[in-house]
Amino acid sequence: MFLDLKAPTLVVTGHWNPRIFEESWIAQNLFEKKVGETVEMGQIAEVPVTPWVATFVDGIGVRCKPDRFEVFMSAADDGGRAEAVLSRALE
């Protein structure tokens, strides 16, 4: 089963700094990729509605806005991995 990639699966509200969440930081800190490792990433943007981009790695997407952090799943069976990514974002 595939999910709607326009709607986040997990959301944490609060005060977030979107500038921290750039591609290399996301790969290393949220997906535990090693420096120099090749990582296949994709990005989804709702243009021209919003400037915020969701970055996907291994079927899990993240998007950071000043007032919320969002996690997207591309398939229903990604729940455990999505929770792990969210947990690392909260560390």
N, C-alpha and C. Protein backbone atom coordinates (compact mmCIF):
# COMPACT_ATOMS: atom_id res chain seq x y z
N MET A 1 0.84 -1.18 0.00
CA MET A 1 0.00 0.00 0.00
C MET A 1 0.89 1.24 0.00
N PHE A 2 0.60 2.18 -0.87
CA PHE A 2 1.36 3.42 -0.93
C PHE A 2 0.53 4.55 -0.33
N LEU A 3 1.22 5.50 0.29
CA LEU A 3 0.57 6.59 0.98
C LEU A 3 0.68 7.88 0.19
N ASP A 4 -0.13 8.87 0.55
CA ASP A 4 -0.12 10.18 -0.08
C ASP A 4 1.13 10.94 0.38
N LEU A 5 2.05 11.19 -0.53
CA LEU A 5 3.31 11.85 -0.15
C LEU A 5 3.14 13.34 0.10
N LYS A 6 1.97 13.90 -0.14
CA LYS A 6 1.74 15.32 0.13
C LYS A 6 1.35 15.57 1.58
N ALA A 7 0.96 14.51 2.30
CA ALA A 7 0.52 14.66 3.68
C ALA A 7 1.50 13.94 4.61
N PRO A 8 2.04 14.64 5.62
CA PRO A 8 2.99 13.99 6.53
C PRO A 8 2.30 12.91 7.37
N THR A 9 3.07 11.90 7.72
CA THR A 9 2.58 10.81 8.56
C THR A 9 2.77 11.13 10.04
N LEU A 10 3.91 11.71 10.39
CA LEU A 10 4.22 12.10 11.77
C LEU A 10 4.57 13.58 11.79
N VAL A 11 4.09 14.30 12.80
CA VAL A 11 4.37 15.73 12.92
C VAL A 11 4.68 16.06 14.37
N VAL A 12 5.74 16.83 14.58
CA VAL A 12 6.05 17.36 15.91
C VAL A 12 6.06 18.88 15.77
N THR A 13 5.22 19.54 16.54
CA THR A 13 5.18 21.00 16.50
C THR A 13 6.13 21.58 17.53
N GLY A 14 6.53 22.80 17.31
CA GLY A 14 7.45 23.48 18.21
C GLY A 14 8.22 24.53 17.44
N HIS A 15 9.39 24.86 17.95
CA HIS A 15 10.26 25.84 17.29
C HIS A 15 11.44 25.09 16.69
N TRP A 16 11.55 25.12 15.38
CA TRP A 16 12.57 24.39 14.65
C TRP A 16 13.39 25.35 13.81
N ASN A 17 14.65 24.98 13.54
CA ASN A 17 15.53 25.78 12.68
C ASN A 17 15.72 25.03 11.36
N PRO A 18 14.94 25.39 10.33
CA PRO A 18 15.03 24.68 9.05
C PRO A 18 16.41 24.72 8.40
N ARG A 19 17.22 25.71 8.73
CA ARG A 19 18.55 25.83 8.09
C ARG A 19 19.47 24.68 8.47
N ILE A 20 19.22 24.04 9.61
CA ILE A 20 20.04 22.89 10.02
C ILE A 20 19.78 21.69 9.11
N PHE A 21 18.55 21.55 8.64
CA PHE A 21 18.12 20.35 7.93
C PHE A 21 18.44 20.41 6.44
N GLU A 22 19.73 20.47 6.12
CA GLU A 22 20.15 20.43 4.73
C GLU A 22 20.54 18.99 4.39
N GLU A 23 20.71 18.67 3.13
CA GLU A 23 20.80 17.30 2.66
C GLU A 23 21.86 16.46 3.36
N SER A 24 23.09 16.96 3.47
CA SER A 24 24.15 16.14 4.08
C SER A 24 23.87 15.90 5.56
N TRP A 25 23.33 16.91 6.26
CA TRP A 25 23.00 16.74 7.68
C TRP A 25 21.89 15.69 7.85
N ILE A 26 20.88 15.77 6.99
CA ILE A 26 19.78 14.80 7.04
C ILE A 26 20.32 13.39 6.84
N ALA A 27 21.15 13.19 5.82
CA ALA A 27 21.69 11.85 5.52
C ALA A 27 22.50 11.31 6.69
N GLN A 28 23.38 12.14 7.25
CA GLN A 28 24.27 11.68 8.32
C GLN A 28 23.56 11.52 9.66
N ASN A 29 22.74 12.47 10.03
CA ASN A 29 22.17 12.48 11.38
C ASN A 29 20.83 11.78 11.51
N LEU A 30 20.01 11.83 10.48
CA LEU A 30 18.69 11.21 10.59
C LEU A 30 18.66 9.80 9.98
N PHE A 31 19.50 9.56 8.96
CA PHE A 31 19.50 8.26 8.29
C PHE A 31 20.79 7.48 8.53
N GLU A 32 21.68 8.02 9.36
CA GLU A 32 22.91 7.36 9.78
C GLU A 32 23.80 6.92 8.62
N LYS A 33 23.86 7.73 7.58
CA LYS A 33 24.75 7.46 6.44
C LYS A 33 26.14 7.97 6.79
N LYS A 34 27.16 7.30 6.30
CA LYS A 34 28.54 7.67 6.58
C LYS A 34 29.00 8.78 5.63
N VAL A 35 29.95 9.60 6.11
CA VAL A 35 30.53 10.64 5.27
C VAL A 35 31.19 9.97 4.08
N GLY A 36 30.91 10.45 2.89
CA GLY A 36 31.46 9.91 1.66
C GLY A 36 30.62 8.80 1.05
N GLU A 37 29.63 8.30 1.79
CA GLU A 37 28.75 7.24 1.26
C GLU A 37 27.82 7.83 0.21
N THR A 38 27.61 7.12 -0.86
CA THR A 38 26.67 7.56 -1.90
C THR A 38 25.25 7.34 -1.39
N VAL A 39 24.45 8.39 -1.45
CA VAL A 39 23.08 8.33 -0.95
C VAL A 39 22.15 8.81 -2.05
N GLU A 40 21.15 8.00 -2.36
CA GLU A 40 20.15 8.39 -3.34
C GLU A 40 19.05 9.15 -2.62
N MET A 41 18.82 10.39 -3.00
CA MET A 41 17.82 11.25 -2.37
C MET A 41 16.86 11.77 -3.41
N GLY A 42 15.66 12.07 -2.97
CA GLY A 42 14.68 12.72 -3.82
C GLY A 42 14.03 13.85 -3.05
N GLN A 43 13.52 14.84 -3.74
CA GLN A 43 12.86 15.96 -3.07
C GLN A 43 11.52 16.22 -3.71
N ILE A 44 10.56 16.57 -2.86
CA ILE A 44 9.22 16.92 -3.32
C ILE A 44 8.89 18.30 -2.78
N ALA A 45 8.44 19.18 -3.66
CA ALA A 45 8.05 20.53 -3.27
C ALA A 45 6.67 20.83 -3.81
N GLU A 46 5.89 21.55 -3.03
CA GLU A 46 4.58 22.00 -3.48
C GLU A 46 4.73 23.41 -4.05
N VAL A 47 5.12 23.47 -5.29
CA VAL A 47 5.39 24.75 -5.93
C VAL A 47 4.13 25.21 -6.65
N PRO A 48 3.74 26.43 -6.59
CA PRO A 48 4.33 27.55 -5.86
C PRO A 48 3.72 27.75 -4.48
N VAL A 49 3.03 26.76 -3.96
CA VAL A 49 2.32 26.91 -2.69
C VAL A 49 3.25 27.22 -1.53
N THR A 50 4.36 26.51 -1.41
CA THR A 50 5.25 26.68 -0.27
C THR A 50 6.70 26.51 -0.70
N PRO A 51 7.63 27.18 -0.03
CA PRO A 51 9.04 27.00 -0.35
C PRO A 51 9.65 25.79 0.36
N TRP A 52 8.89 25.10 1.20
CA TRP A 52 9.43 24.00 2.01
C TRP A 52 9.49 22.72 1.18
N VAL A 53 10.63 22.06 1.23
CA VAL A 53 10.88 20.87 0.43
C VAL A 53 10.98 19.65 1.35
N ALA A 54 10.35 18.56 0.97
CA ALA A 54 10.51 17.29 1.68
C ALA A 54 11.63 16.51 1.00
N THR A 55 12.59 16.05 1.80
CA THR A 55 13.72 15.29 1.30
C THR A 55 13.53 13.82 1.66
N PHE A 56 13.59 12.94 0.67
CA PHE A 56 13.36 11.51 0.87
C PHE A 56 14.65 10.72 0.73
N VAL A 57 14.86 9.79 1.67
CA VAL A 57 15.97 8.85 1.65
C VAL A 57 15.38 7.49 2.01
N ASP A 58 15.62 6.50 1.19
CA ASP A 58 15.15 5.14 1.48
C ASP A 58 13.65 5.07 1.78
N GLY A 59 12.85 5.86 1.08
CA GLY A 59 11.41 5.80 1.23
C GLY A 59 10.83 6.59 2.39
N ILE A 60 11.67 7.26 3.16
CA ILE A 60 11.23 8.09 4.28
C ILE A 60 11.58 9.53 3.97
N GLY A 61 10.62 10.45 4.12
CA GLY A 61 10.86 11.85 3.84
C GLY A 61 10.80 12.69 5.10
N VAL A 62 11.54 13.78 5.11
CA VAL A 62 11.51 14.73 6.21
C VAL A 62 11.37 16.14 5.64
N ARG A 63 10.66 16.97 6.38
CA ARG A 63 10.53 18.38 6.01
C ARG A 63 10.50 19.18 7.31
N CYS A 64 11.30 20.23 7.34
CA CYS A 64 11.37 21.07 8.53
C CYS A 64 10.86 22.47 8.18
N LYS A 65 9.92 22.93 8.98
CA LYS A 65 9.41 24.29 8.88
C LYS A 65 9.68 24.97 10.22
N PRO A 66 9.61 26.27 10.31
CA PRO A 66 9.89 26.93 11.59
C PRO A 66 9.00 26.48 12.74
N ASP A 67 7.79 26.03 12.45
CA ASP A 67 6.87 25.66 13.53
C ASP A 67 6.56 24.17 13.61
N ARG A 68 7.22 23.34 12.76
CA ARG A 68 6.93 21.91 12.80
C ARG A 68 7.97 21.11 12.04
N PHE A 69 8.14 19.86 12.45
CA PHE A 69 9.00 18.90 11.78
C PHE A 69 8.11 17.76 11.32
N GLU A 70 8.20 17.40 10.04
CA GLU A 70 7.29 16.42 9.46
C GLU A 70 8.07 15.22 8.91
N VAL A 71 7.49 14.04 9.09
CA VAL A 71 8.07 12.81 8.55
C VAL A 71 7.02 12.19 7.62
N PHE A 72 7.46 11.78 6.45
CA PHE A 72 6.59 11.18 5.44
C PHE A 72 7.01 9.72 5.22
N MET A 73 6.06 8.85 5.00
CA MET A 73 6.34 7.46 4.64
C MET A 73 5.81 7.23 3.23
N SER A 74 6.60 6.54 2.41
CA SER A 74 6.14 6.25 1.06
C SER A 74 5.36 4.94 1.00
N ALA A 75 5.47 4.11 2.03
CA ALA A 75 4.72 2.85 2.09
C ALA A 75 4.29 2.60 3.53
N ALA A 76 3.18 1.93 3.71
CA ALA A 76 2.61 1.71 5.04
C ALA A 76 3.52 0.90 5.95
N ASP A 77 4.40 0.09 5.41
CA ASP A 77 5.25 -0.75 6.24
C ASP A 77 6.54 -0.06 6.70
N ASP A 78 6.67 1.24 6.47
CA ASP A 78 7.86 2.00 6.86
C ASP A 78 7.73 2.61 8.25
N GLY A 79 6.71 2.29 9.01
CA GLY A 79 6.44 2.94 10.29
C GLY A 79 7.59 2.91 11.27
N GLY A 80 8.22 1.77 11.43
CA GLY A 80 9.33 1.67 12.38
C GLY A 80 10.51 2.54 11.98
N ARG A 81 10.82 2.57 10.70
CA ARG A 81 11.93 3.41 10.22
C ARG A 81 11.58 4.89 10.36
N ALA A 82 10.33 5.26 10.11
CA ALA A 82 9.91 6.65 10.25
C ALA A 82 10.03 7.10 11.70
N GLU A 83 9.62 6.25 12.62
CA GLU A 83 9.74 6.57 14.05
C GLU A 83 11.20 6.73 14.45
N ALA A 84 12.10 5.91 13.90
CA ALA A 84 13.52 6.01 14.20
C ALA A 84 14.09 7.34 13.72
N VAL A 85 13.69 7.75 12.51
CA VAL A 85 14.15 9.04 11.98
C VAL A 85 13.65 10.18 12.86
N LEU A 86 12.39 10.14 13.26
CA LEU A 86 11.83 11.17 14.13
C LEU A 86 12.56 11.19 15.47
N SER A 87 12.84 10.04 16.02
CA SER A 87 13.56 9.97 17.29
C SER A 87 14.93 10.61 17.19
N ARG A 88 15.66 10.36 16.10
CA ARG A 88 16.97 10.98 15.92
C ARG A 88 16.88 12.49 15.75
N ALA A 89 15.79 12.97 15.14
CA ALA A 89 15.60 14.42 14.98
C ALA A 89 15.37 15.10 16.34
N LEU A 90 14.81 14.35 17.27
CA LEU A 90 14.51 14.90 18.59
C LEU A 90 15.68 14.82 19.56
N GLU A 91 16.76 14.13 19.17
CA GLU A 91 17.93 13.99 20.06
C GLU A 91 18.64 15.30 20.24
